[in-house]
Protein backbone atom coordinates (compact mmCIF):
# COMPACT_ATOMS: atom_id res chain seq x y z
CA MET A 1 0.00 0.00 0.00
CA LYS A 2 1.29 3.45 -0.87
CA LYS A 3 2.38 5.50 2.14
CA THR A 4 2.38 9.29 2.00
CA THR A 5 4.36 11.14 4.67
CA LEU A 6 3.00 14.37 6.14
CA ALA A 7 5.63 16.53 7.82
CA LEU A 8 4.31 19.13 10.25
CA CYS A 9 7.01 21.55 11.29
CA LEU A 10 5.95 23.58 14.31
CA THR A 11 8.14 26.48 15.43
CA SER A 12 7.50 29.27 17.89
CA LEU A 13 3.80 28.45 18.07
CA LEU A 14 3.44 29.97 21.53
CA GLY A 15 6.26 32.47 21.24
CA ALA A 16 9.68 30.86 21.73
CA ASN A 17 9.82 27.12 21.18
CA ALA A 18 9.16 25.48 24.54
CA PHE A 19 11.25 22.36 24.13
CA ALA A 20 14.26 24.22 22.79
CA ASP A 21 13.93 26.88 25.49
CA VAL A 22 14.37 24.16 28.10
CA CYS A 23 17.51 22.93 26.37
CA ASN A 24 18.93 26.43 26.04
CA ASP A 25 18.05 27.74 29.49
CA THR A 26 18.32 24.69 31.78
CA HIS A 27 21.54 23.71 33.55
CA VAL A 28 23.01 20.27 32.95
CA TYR A 29 24.18 18.32 36.04
CA PRO A 30 26.66 18.86 37.73
CA ASP A 31 26.42 22.53 36.67
CA PHE A 32 23.95 23.48 39.46
CA PRO A 33 21.79 26.59 38.84
CA GLN A 34 22.61 28.12 42.25
CA THR A 35 26.08 29.15 43.40
CA ASN A 36 27.90 29.33 46.72
CA TRP A 37 29.57 32.41 48.18
CA GLN A 38 32.56 31.83 45.89
CA GLY A 39 30.32 31.98 42.83
CA GLN A 40 30.74 28.26 42.06
CA PRO A 41 27.77 26.02 41.12
CA SER A 42 26.81 24.28 44.36
CA HIS A 43 23.10 23.46 44.72
CA ALA A 44 19.52 23.71 43.48
CA ASP A 45 16.63 25.47 45.21
CA GLN A 46 13.03 24.25 45.33
CA GLY A 47 11.53 24.39 41.83
CA ASP A 48 14.89 24.56 40.00
CA GLN A 49 15.18 22.29 36.97
CA MET A 50 18.21 20.42 35.62
CA ILE A 51 18.96 18.04 32.77
CA HIS A 52 20.72 14.77 33.60
CA ASN A 53 21.04 11.41 31.80
CA GLY A 54 18.48 12.33 29.15
CA TYR A 55 15.78 13.51 31.58
CA LEU A 56 14.48 16.81 32.88
CA TRP A 57 14.43 16.93 36.71
CA GLN A 58 12.91 19.36 39.21
CA ALA A 59 14.14 19.95 42.77
CA ASN A 60 11.59 19.36 45.53
CA TRP A 61 13.65 21.44 47.95
CA TRP A 62 17.18 22.78 48.48
CA THR A 63 19.59 20.05 47.44
CA GLN A 64 23.13 19.17 46.41
CA ALA A 65 22.15 15.62 45.44
CA GLU A 66 22.54 14.10 41.98
CA PRO A 67 19.17 13.91 40.16
CA THR A 68 18.18 10.22 40.25
CA MET A 69 15.05 8.18 40.92
CA GLN A 70 16.56 7.23 44.29
CA ALA A 71 17.00 10.87 45.37
CA ASN A 72 13.91 12.11 47.20
CA ALA A 73 15.07 15.67 46.58
CA TRP A 74 14.32 15.35 42.86
CA GLN A 75 11.30 14.47 40.73
CA GLN A 76 11.70 13.22 37.17
CA LEU A 77 9.57 15.26 34.76
CA GLN A 78 10.13 13.70 31.31
CA PRO A 79 12.72 12.51 28.80
CA ILE A 80 14.45 15.29 26.90
CA ASP A 81 16.73 15.24 23.85
CA CYS A 82 18.84 18.35 23.40
CA SER A 83 20.96 16.96 20.60
CA VAL A 84 21.49 19.03 17.47
CA GLY A 85 20.38 17.46 14.20
CA ASP A 86 19.49 18.07 10.56
CA ILE A 87 15.81 18.77 9.94
CA GLY A 88 15.92 17.15 6.50
CA ASP A 89 15.13 18.19 2.93
CA GLY A 90 11.92 20.04 2.26
CA ALA A 91 11.66 21.63 5.74
CA ILE A 92 12.26 25.36 5.78
CA GLN A 93 12.84 27.90 8.52
CA PHE A 94 9.43 29.15 9.58
CA LYS A 95 7.72 31.04 12.38
CA GLY A 96 4.40 29.33 13.10
CA TRP A 97 3.22 25.93 11.89
CA GLU A 98 3.79 24.31 8.51
CA LEU A 99 2.29 21.23 6.89
CA MET A 100 3.95 19.45 3.97
CA VAL A 101 3.51 16.23 1.99
CA ASN A 102 6.59 14.63 0.45
CA GLU A 103 8.43 17.97 0.56
CA SER A 104 5.44 19.71 -1.09
CA PHE A 105 3.98 22.84 0.49
CA TYR A 106 0.56 22.29 2.01
CA CYS A 107 -0.31 24.84 4.72
CA ALA A 108 1.41 27.66 6.56
CA ASN A 109 -0.10 29.51 9.53
CA ASP A 110 -3.56 30.01 7.99
CA ILE A 111 -5.81 26.96 7.79
CA ASN A 112 -7.91 28.70 5.14
CA ALA A 113 -4.86 29.01 2.86
CA CYS A 114 -4.24 25.28 2.59
CA GLU A 115 -3.73 24.02 -0.98
CA GLN A 116 -5.81 21.18 -2.37
CA MET A 117 -3.66 18.07 -2.81
CA ALA A 118 -4.56 14.75 -4.40
CA PHE A 119 -4.68 11.59 -2.30
CA ASP A 120 -6.13 8.17 -2.88
CA GLN A 121 -8.81 7.51 -0.28
CA GLU A 122 -7.16 4.25 0.76
CA ASP A 123 -3.71 5.76 1.19
CA GLU A 124 -2.17 5.20 4.61
CA LEU A 125 -0.79 8.43 6.03
CA LEU A 126 1.86 9.20 8.62
CA LEU A 127 1.47 12.54 10.36
CA LYS A 128 4.84 13.80 11.59
CA LEU A 129 4.96 16.53 14.22
CA GLN A 130 8.30 18.23 14.74
CA TYR A 131 9.30 20.88 17.27
CA ILE A 132 12.19 22.87 15.79
CA ASP A 133 14.06 25.86 17.13
CA PHE A 134 16.09 27.83 14.60
CA SER A 135 18.23 29.49 17.23
CA ASP A 136 21.07 30.29 14.82
CA ASP A 137 20.75 31.05 11.09
CA ASP A 138 24.52 30.81 10.49
CA PRO A 139 25.25 27.58 8.54
CA GLN A 140 28.69 27.49 10.18
CA SER A 141 27.21 27.47 13.67
CA PRO A 142 26.92 24.14 15.54
CA ASN A 143 23.32 25.14 16.35
CA PHE A 144 22.34 25.58 12.69
CA GLY A 145 19.39 23.36 11.78
CA GLY A 146 17.80 23.60 15.17
CA ARG A 147 17.12 21.24 18.04
CA HIS A 148 14.10 19.04 17.41
CA PHE A 149 12.17 15.91 18.23
CA SER A 150 9.43 14.11 16.32
CA ILE A 151 6.08 12.55 17.13
CA ASP A 152 4.47 10.19 14.59
CA LEU A 153 0.73 9.50 14.25
CA ALA A 154 -0.56 6.90 11.77
CA LEU A 155 -3.86 7.69 10.03
CA ASP A 156 -5.95 5.09 8.23
CA ASN A 157 -6.83 7.35 5.31
CA ILE A 158 -7.02 10.92 4.09
CA GLU A 159 -10.62 11.29 5.33
CA MET A 160 -9.32 11.14 8.91
CA LEU A 161 -6.79 13.88 8.14
CA THR A 162 -9.53 16.01 6.60
CA LYS A 163 -11.61 15.69 9.78
CA ILE A 164 -8.64 16.71 11.90
CA ILE A 165 -7.79 19.74 9.79
CA ALA A 166 -11.44 20.82 9.55
CA SER A 167 -11.99 20.81 13.33
CA GLY A 168 -10.61 24.31 13.81
CA GLN A 169 -12.40 25.25 17.07
CA THR A 170 -10.57 25.88 20.32
CA PRO A 171 -12.14 23.77 23.08
CA ALA A 172 -12.64 24.78 26.70
CA LEU A 173 -9.64 23.64 28.74
CA ASN A 174 -9.90 23.76 32.52
CA VAL A 175 -7.89 22.76 35.57
CA ALA A 176 -9.95 20.44 37.77
CA THR A 177 -10.65 21.84 41.23
CA TRP A 178 -8.96 18.81 42.81
CA LYS A 179 -6.66 16.07 41.50
CA ASP A 180 -8.35 13.43 39.31
CA ASN A 181 -11.40 15.73 39.24
CA LEU A 182 -12.48 14.37 42.63
CA PRO A 183 -15.07 16.33 44.66
CA ALA A 184 -12.95 17.26 47.73
CA ALA A 185 -9.44 17.05 49.22
CA TYR A 186 -8.34 15.74 52.62
CA ALA A 187 -5.06 15.37 54.52
CA MET A 188 -3.94 14.13 57.93
CA GLN A 189 -1.13 15.26 60.23
CA HIS A 190 0.36 13.99 63.49
CA ASP A 191 2.24 16.47 65.69
CA ASP A 192 5.10 15.89 68.18
CA TRP A 193 7.20 13.10 66.68
CA CYS A 194 10.37 12.58 68.77
CA LEU A 195 8.47 13.49 71.95
CA ASP A 196 8.51 10.30 74.06
CA SER A 197 4.82 10.62 74.91
CA ALA A 198 3.93 10.43 71.16
CA ASN A 199 5.52 7.04 70.45
CA GLY A 200 2.15 5.82 69.17
CA ILE A 201 2.91 7.63 65.90
CA GLY A 202 5.61 5.06 65.15
CA GLU A 203 3.96 2.10 66.85
CA HIS A 204 0.40 2.52 65.53
CA VAL A 205 -0.04 5.37 63.03
CA PHE A 206 2.77 4.23 60.75
CA PRO A 207 1.68 0.59 60.25
CA GLU A 208 -2.08 1.21 60.32
CA VAL A 209 -1.96 3.98 57.70
CA ALA A 210 0.59 2.23 55.48
CA GLU A 211 -1.16 -1.15 55.38
CA ARG A 212 -4.34 0.52 54.07
CA GLY A 213 -2.45 2.26 51.27
CA LEU A 214 -3.20 5.69 52.79
CA THR A 215 -0.84 8.55 53.60
CA THR A 216 -0.28 11.14 56.31
CA SER A 217 2.20 13.81 57.42
CA ILE A 218 4.40 13.72 60.53
CA GLY A 219 5.52 16.81 62.50
CA VAL A 220 9.07 16.56 63.86
CA ILE A 221 10.55 18.37 66.91
CA THR A 222 14.20 18.14 65.90
CA SER A 223 16.01 18.73 69.21
CA LEU A 224 14.19 15.76 70.76
CA CYS A 225 15.14 13.23 68.09
CA ASP A 226 17.72 10.55 68.87
CA GLU A 227 19.16 8.22 66.24
CA SER A 228 16.30 5.71 66.44
CA LYS A 229 13.68 8.46 66.06
CA TRP A 230 15.48 9.84 63.02
CA GLN A 231 15.62 6.36 61.50
CA LYS A 232 11.89 6.02 61.98
CA ALA A 233 11.35 9.47 60.44
CA LYS A 234 13.33 8.32 57.41
CA ALA A 235 11.07 5.25 57.25
CA PHE A 236 8.04 7.58 57.20
CA VAL A 237 9.48 9.35 54.15
CA ASP A 238 10.30 6.05 52.42
CA ALA A 239 6.65 4.99 52.94
CA GLY A 240 5.44 8.09 51.09
CA PHE A 241 4.52 10.18 54.14
CA SER A 242 5.59 13.80 54.24
CA ILE A 243 7.47 15.50 57.08
CA PHE A 244 6.52 18.95 58.33
CA ASN A 245 8.55 21.20 60.59
CA HIS A 246 7.09 21.31 64.11
CA SER A 247 9.98 23.47 65.38
CA LYS A 248 13.35 22.71 66.95
CA THR A 249 12.41 22.91 70.65
CA HIS A 250 8.59 23.19 70.77
CA ALA A 251 8.99 26.41 72.75
CA TYR A 252 6.26 29.03 73.00
CA PRO A 253 6.38 31.11 69.78
CA ASP A 254 4.58 33.94 71.60
CA ALA A 255 3.35 34.75 75.12
CA PRO A 256 0.55 32.34 76.16
CA SER A 257 -2.48 33.89 77.84
CA TRP A 258 -2.72 30.89 80.19
CA ASP A 259 0.85 31.26 81.50
CA PRO A 260 1.71 34.91 82.31
CA ASN A 261 5.07 33.85 83.78
CA ALA A 262 6.26 32.05 80.67
CA VAL A 263 9.74 32.93 79.42
CA ILE A 264 9.79 33.35 75.61
CA THR A 265 12.96 31.85 74.14
CA TRP A 266 11.66 31.43 70.58
CA ASP A 267 14.13 32.25 67.80
CA ASP A 268 12.83 32.16 64.21
CA GLU A 269 16.19 31.23 62.71
CA GLN A 270 16.64 28.23 65.01
CA GLU A 271 13.04 27.05 65.21
CA VAL A 272 12.31 27.36 61.47
CA THR A 273 15.43 27.53 59.31
CA VAL A 274 17.81 25.35 61.35
CA ALA A 275 15.09 22.80 62.11
CA ASN A 276 14.33 22.52 58.39
CA GLN A 277 17.99 21.88 57.64
CA GLU A 278 18.22 19.24 60.36
CA ILE A 279 15.21 17.37 59.02
CA TYR A 280 16.67 17.41 55.53
CA ALA A 281 20.09 16.26 56.73
CA GLN A 282 18.58 13.30 58.64
CA THR A 283 15.79 12.19 56.26
CA GLY A 284 16.55 13.64 52.82
CA PHE A 285 13.16 15.39 52.94
CA MET A 286 13.06 19.21 52.99
CA PRO A 287 9.85 20.37 54.72
CA SER A 288 7.81 23.11 53.09
CA MET A 289 5.12 23.21 55.80
CA PHE A 290 5.29 24.48 59.39
CA GLY A 291 3.03 23.38 62.23
CA ILE A 292 2.88 26.03 64.96
CA PRO A 293 3.43 24.75 68.54
CA TYR A 294 0.55 25.56 70.91
CA GLY A 295 -1.24 27.49 68.14
CA LEU A 296 0.68 30.63 69.19
CA LEU A 297 2.39 33.00 66.78
CA SER A 298 3.55 36.60 66.46
CA SER A 299 3.04 38.71 63.35
CA ASP A 300 6.81 39.02 62.96
CA SER A 301 7.29 35.24 62.94
CA LEU A 302 4.46 34.77 60.48
CA GLN A 303 5.97 37.38 58.17
CA MET A 304 9.36 35.71 58.45
CA MET A 305 7.84 32.46 57.17
CA ARG A 306 6.01 34.26 54.36
CA ASP A 307 9.33 35.77 53.29
CA SER A 308 11.20 32.47 53.59
CA ASN A 309 11.98 30.45 50.50
CA LEU A 310 11.73 27.29 52.62
CA ILE A 311 8.28 27.50 54.22
CA THR A 312 5.42 27.82 51.71
CA MET A 313 2.47 26.81 53.90
CA VAL A 314 1.47 27.12 57.58
CA ARG A 315 -1.42 25.88 59.70
CA LYS A 316 -3.37 28.89 60.93
CA GLN A 317 -2.54 30.10 64.42
CA THR A 318 -5.17 30.13 67.18
CA PHE A 319 -3.60 33.18 68.82
CA LEU A 320 -1.82 35.91 66.82
CA ASP A 321 -0.04 38.53 68.94
CA GLY A 322 -2.14 37.33 71.86
CA ASN A 323 -5.47 37.77 70.05
CA PHE A 324 -7.76 34.81 69.35
CA THR A 325 -8.31 33.85 65.70
CA MET A 326 -10.53 31.05 64.42
CA SER A 327 -8.26 28.24 63.21
CA HIS A 328 -10.83 25.42 63.04
CA GLY A 329 -12.73 24.81 59.84
CA ILE A 330 -12.65 23.55 56.25
CA ASN A 331 -10.66 25.44 53.62
CA ALA A 332 -12.83 26.59 50.72
CA ALA A 333 -12.06 25.06 47.33
CA ASP A 334 -10.76 28.46 46.19
CA PHE A 335 -8.68 29.26 49.29
CA SER A 336 -5.88 31.67 48.42
CA ASP A 337 -3.63 32.02 51.51
CA PRO A 338 -1.46 28.92 52.17
CA TYR A 339 -0.11 30.55 55.36
CA GLN A 340 -3.54 30.51 57.03
CA LEU A 341 -4.72 26.92 56.57
CA LEU A 342 -7.77 25.93 58.59
CA GLY A 343 -7.93 22.48 60.14
CA ASN A 344 -9.54 20.32 62.78
CA LEU A 345 -7.55 19.47 65.91
CA TYR A 346 -8.46 16.25 67.72
CA ASP A 347 -8.86 17.92 71.12
CA ASP A 348 -11.73 17.48 73.60
CA GLU A 349 -11.10 20.95 75.03
CA TRP A 350 -10.83 23.05 71.84
CA GLY A 351 -12.06 20.80 69.02
CA PRO A 352 -15.70 21.42 68.01
CA TYR A 353 -16.06 17.98 66.42
CA ASN A 354 -14.73 16.29 69.56
CA GLN A 355 -17.26 18.20 71.62
CA ALA A 356 -20.19 17.39 69.33
CA HIS A 357 -19.53 13.69 68.73
CA GLU A 358 -18.43 10.45 70.39
CA GLY A 359 -16.00 7.74 69.33
CA ALA A 360 -14.68 7.63 65.77
CA ALA A 361 -17.38 10.15 64.74
CA LYS A 362 -15.17 12.86 66.28
CA ILE A 363 -13.00 12.33 63.20
CA THR A 364 -15.33 10.96 60.53
CA ALA A 365 -17.80 13.85 60.92
CA TYR A 366 -15.15 16.35 59.83
CA LEU A 367 -14.32 14.15 56.83
CA ASP A 368 -18.02 13.97 55.88
CA ASP A 369 -18.36 17.75 56.14
CA THR A 370 -15.25 18.22 53.98
CA ILE A 371 -16.74 16.05 51.24
CA ALA A 372 -20.12 17.79 51.46
CA ASN A 373 -18.39 21.19 51.35
CA GLY A 374 -16.17 20.29 48.39
CA GLY A 375 -13.19 21.96 50.06
CA PHE A 376 -9.91 20.92 51.67
CA GLY A 377 -10.04 19.35 55.13
CA LEU A 378 -6.88 19.19 57.25
CA GLN A 379 -7.30 16.83 60.21
CA TYR A 380 -4.49 16.86 62.75
CA PHE A 381 -3.80 14.76 65.81
CA HIS A 382 -0.96 14.06 68.19
CA GLY A 383 -0.33 10.39 69.05
CA VAL A 384 -2.46 7.24 69.04
CA ASN A 385 -2.84 4.94 72.06
CA ASP A 386 -0.05 6.69 73.97
CA THR A 387 0.29 9.49 76.56
CA SER A 388 0.46 12.40 74.11
CA TYR A 389 -1.88 15.40 74.09
CA TYR A 390 -5.42 14.05 73.64
CA SER A 391 -4.19 10.75 72.24
CA VAL A 392 -6.65 8.95 69.96
CA PRO A 393 -7.83 5.54 71.19
CA LEU A 394 -6.52 2.85 68.82
CA ASN A 395 -9.93 1.30 68.09
CA GLU A 396 -11.38 4.71 67.15
CA PHE A 397 -8.39 5.51 64.96
CA THR A 398 -8.54 2.24 63.02
CA GLU A 399 -12.33 2.58 62.63
CA PHE A 400 -11.76 6.03 61.16
CA LEU A 401 -9.02 4.75 58.80
CA ASP A 402 -11.32 2.01 57.50
CA TYR A 403 -14.01 4.62 56.90
CA LEU A 404 -11.52 6.88 55.12
CA ALA A 405 -10.23 4.01 52.94
CA VAL A 406 -13.77 3.36 51.69
CA LYS A 407 -14.25 7.04 50.82
CA VAL A 408 -10.97 7.05 48.90
CA GLU A 409 -11.82 3.83 47.06
CA ASP A 410 -15.25 5.21 46.13
CA LYS A 411 -13.60 8.38 44.73
CA ALA A 412 -15.48 10.56 47.21
CA VAL A 413 -12.31 12.43 48.20
CA TRP A 414 -8.71 13.02 47.15
CA LEU A 415 -6.41 11.92 50.00
CA ASP A 416 -2.83 13.15 49.88
CA THR A 417 -0.22 14.94 51.94
CA PRO A 418 -1.09 18.55 52.82
CA GLU A 419 1.92 19.69 50.80
CA ALA A 420 0.64 18.00 47.64
CA ILE A 421 -2.85 19.45 48.07
CA VAL A 422 -1.67 23.00 48.78
CA ASN A 423 0.79 22.87 45.88
CA TYR A 424 -2.05 21.73 43.60
CA ARG A 425 -4.34 24.53 44.73
CA MET A 426 -1.69 27.26 44.45
CA ALA A 427 -0.45 26.02 41.06
CA SER A 428 -3.99 25.89 39.66
CA GLN A 429 -4.56 29.44 40.91
CA ASN A 430 -1.31 30.94 39.65
CA CYS A 431 -0.37 28.95 36.53
CA SER A 432 -2.59 30.18 33.69
CA LEU A 433 -2.90 28.21 30.44
CA ASP A 434 -2.70 29.49 26.88
CA ILE A 435 -4.29 27.30 24.19
CA GLN A 436 -4.21 27.56 20.38
CA THR A 437 -5.81 25.48 17.66
CA VAL A 438 -3.59 24.02 14.94
CA PRO A 439 -4.42 21.69 12.03
CA PHE A 440 -3.78 18.44 13.93
CA GLY A 441 -5.53 19.46 17.16
CA TYR A 442 -4.32 22.07 19.62
CA ILE A 443 -1.39 23.04 21.79
CA ALA A 444 -1.49 24.49 25.31
CA GLN A 445 1.25 25.91 27.48
CA PHE A 446 1.51 27.19 31.04
CA ASP A 447 2.42 30.84 31.54
CA LEU A 448 5.30 30.67 34.02
CA SER A 449 5.79 34.43 34.28
CA ASN A 450 3.98 34.53 37.65
CA PRO A 451 6.60 33.74 40.37
CA ALA A 452 3.89 32.03 42.45
CA CYS A 453 3.47 29.50 39.64
CA SER A 454 7.04 28.24 39.89
CA ALA A 455 6.94 28.38 43.72
CA TYR A 456 4.08 25.86 43.87
CA GLN A 457 4.71 23.51 40.96
CA ALA A 458 2.46 20.47 40.86
CA GLU A 459 0.89 17.81 38.67
CA LEU A 460 -2.51 19.20 37.67
CA THR A 461 -5.55 17.40 36.28
CA LEU A 462 -6.82 19.05 33.10
CA THR A 463 -10.24 18.55 31.55
CA ILE A 464 -11.08 19.38 27.93
CA ASP A 465 -14.56 19.79 26.48
CA GLN A 466 -13.73 17.72 23.41
CA SER A 467 -16.13 15.49 21.44
CA GLN A 468 -13.63 14.34 18.80
CA LYS A 469 -11.52 11.31 19.60
CA VAL A 470 -8.09 12.11 20.95
CA ALA A 471 -5.33 10.02 19.39
CA ALA A 472 -2.49 11.05 21.71
CA ILE A 473 -1.44 13.69 24.23
CA TYR A 474 2.15 14.76 24.83
CA GLN A 475 3.93 17.11 27.18
CA GLY A 476 7.17 17.87 25.43
CA ALA A 477 8.18 14.47 24.03
CA LEU A 478 6.49 12.45 26.82
CA ALA A 479 3.27 10.62 25.93
CA LEU A 480 0.63 11.12 28.65
CA PRO A 481 -2.11 8.66 29.67
CA PHE A 482 -5.61 10.07 29.36
CA ASN A 483 -9.26 9.10 29.77
CA GLN A 484 -11.91 10.16 27.27
CA THR A 485 -15.69 9.86 27.45
CA GLU A 486 -18.53 11.55 25.62
CA GLN A 487 -18.25 14.35 28.19
CA GLY A 488 -14.61 15.16 27.43
CA VAL A 489 -10.97 14.30 28.09
CA GLN A 490 -9.09 14.16 31.39
CA PHE A 491 -5.32 13.88 31.92
CA ASP A 492 -2.54 15.01 34.27
CA VAL A 493 0.32 17.37 33.38
CA MET A 494 3.21 19.04 35.21
CA THR A 495 3.22 22.84 35.49
CA SER A 496 6.36 23.16 33.40
CA GLY A 497 7.25 25.24 30.36
CA LEU A 498 6.92 22.26 28.01
CA ALA A 499 4.06 22.49 25.52
CA ILE A 500 1.04 20.19 25.86
CA THR A 501 0.14 18.73 22.45
CA VAL A 502 -3.28 17.13 21.83
CA LEU A 503 -3.53 15.12 18.59
CA LEU A 504 -7.05 14.42 17.32
CA ALA A 505 -8.14 11.26 15.54
CA GLY A 506 -11.01 12.92 13.69
CA ASP A 507 -13.99 10.71 14.64
CA GLN A 508 -16.59 11.55 17.27
CA VAL A 509 -16.47 9.76 20.62
CA SER A 510 -19.29 7.34 21.40
CA GLU A 511 -19.91 5.45 24.62
CA GLY A 512 -18.57 1.92 24.43
CA ASP A 513 -15.79 2.89 22.03
CA CYS A 514 -12.59 1.23 23.22
CA GLN A 515 -10.53 4.18 21.98
CA VAL A 516 -11.73 6.22 24.95
CA VAL A 517 -9.85 3.85 27.28
CA ALA A 518 -6.12 4.47 27.77
CA ASP A 519 -3.47 1.76 27.76
CA TYR A 520 -2.41 0.27 31.10
CA GLN A 521 0.51 2.17 32.67
CA ALA A 522 2.80 0.10 34.92
CA GLY A 523 3.05 1.53 38.43
CA GLN A 524 0.07 3.89 38.01
CA VAL A 525 -2.57 3.94 40.73
CA TYR A 526 -5.98 2.79 39.46
CA LEU A 527 -9.07 3.48 41.54
CA LYS A 528 -12.21 1.36 41.72
CA GLY A 529 -14.11 1.51 38.41
CA GLU A 530 -11.27 2.85 36.28
CA LYS A 531 -10.51 1.03 33.01
CA ALA A 532 -7.31 0.25 31.16
CA ILE A 533 -6.35 -1.66 28.01
CA TYR A 534 -3.76 -4.41 28.51
CA GLN A 535 -2.60 -6.67 25.66
CA GLY A 536 -5.60 -5.58 23.59
CA THR A 537 -8.17 -6.35 26.29
CA VAL A 538 -10.15 -3.90 28.42
CA TYR A 539 -10.01 -4.40 32.21
CA GLN A 540 -11.78 -2.58 35.04
CA ALA A 541 -10.26 -2.12 38.52
CA ASN A 542 -12.21 -3.72 41.38
CA TRP A 543 -10.49 -1.57 44.00
CA TRP A 544 -7.46 0.66 44.49
CA THR A 545 -4.55 -1.10 42.80
CA THR A 546 -1.18 -0.74 41.10
CA SER A 547 -1.06 -4.38 39.99
CA MET A 548 -0.98 -5.59 36.39
CA PRO A 549 -4.33 -6.71 34.89
CA ASP A 550 -4.86 -10.46 34.72
CA ASN A 551 -7.72 -12.97 34.47
CA ASN A 552 -7.73 -13.96 38.15
CA PRO A 553 -11.47 -14.00 39.08
CA TRP A 554 -10.60 -12.95 42.65
CA GLY A 555 -7.98 -10.41 41.65
CA ALA A 556 -7.91 -6.63 41.44
CA TRP A 557 -9.16 -6.55 37.82
CA THR A 558 -12.25 -7.70 35.91
CA LYS A 559 -11.99 -8.49 32.20
CA LEU A 560 -14.68 -6.67 30.19
CA GLU A 561 -16.31 -7.73 26.94
CA GLY A 562 -16.60 -4.08 25.89
CA CYS A 563 -15.64 -0.73 27.36
CA LEU A 564 -18.86 0.12 29.18
């Protein structure tokens, strides 16, 4: 069968070419982006990106570590090829998009200016998408010809291409309120790790939460940690829990109204900055959240944390400069101040849910209200079944965890660490998206000019009001998994400068069409009811799972005859 090759050369579609900009502007390990006092490359700050071993990496916090999958300080974004190569005959330097067939001009910039070209209806076509950056027009320059990569899409016939080119309308593209487009967000925290009275965090919280596949966040008091406590803290991190800074000494941050004779020894540098560094040195995890001891804080200390490049979120204080402020509650879905996060303290004296309920309902009622409200609930405790401040009875805690696990499995709430949820909310608020229609579909890109966007980078869930079938979605050169129904398309992307490319297949989506189900991705979390294609067969998850689909009748997957 005759094969006709379509070459689509896309340059500077959204201003400067995104992929090439990353290659030009990003440091390559070990050339760190930040320098020491001698002006020598020494480290990366939170949000900095580097290229290493063919991948783009982003620092989760201040680090001098090599970017690898084993380094908690780094997250791998996507493969990247910054090699210089020839773009081939028939491709010309161009600003905008360009479509050619066998070196013949087809379209340039204006879809209405496309020439009519002859094709046999049964011809098989290969759509080639190339990102090219002509950064140097000098033929003698090593950069002449541009950096580029290619994406290929096979089309059955020219009719499919005609449908793609004729689409022409820019769809509505939105960031989902919460990850995976779930209705609410929820996180847990446990204060006072390394305090002897809170040993139940290691003895009960750790195993009970981990065995249910849930997550939580642990607050560390650094001056109280011995070697065994630090080892356990490292185990928390390895299990996927986050660590937040609960100060160095747990001293009063401000004068308490209940103790007029209290001596205030609080020092912001020691309690915040030094404690953060100690946690990182011992666990490899750099905290971005601070939990205020006793709910006391001064305006000066709060401002210090706002100005810090280490602390990006704080639980709201109960007393500010000696004045009472309401710190209990549920954060609205559109909350905008990450330094005033509301929560619910498990406390029979101060906690409204403890006072209104008995048993596990002291905790589950707040979760239920969070889901009904559609906001972000932050539940925090001290220990479990120990002598800590208002310790939670073990039977009530495990009853609550079972209840929470069901809500997560039923997709009633997004459970994650508070850092992940706050980063998601702040990134969705501050990282705006530009979208343009092009002949093969459309391209979107985050506007990173807002400093708050880079400060709270996250993986966001995007939804597109799109009735045509989507053939593939890429961010840079990385193919992204996606789900498509008659209502639209949903997929996750990083808030990076790399362009998001959506390739259309031309046909309309219909329920039961297997093309709306994405291929199985090894290691991905699948929730109850989600579908995936594995070895040409559609499977549906019976519960939360990361396992590979199989035909075990009692396993995590059910084989489907169709896609419904």
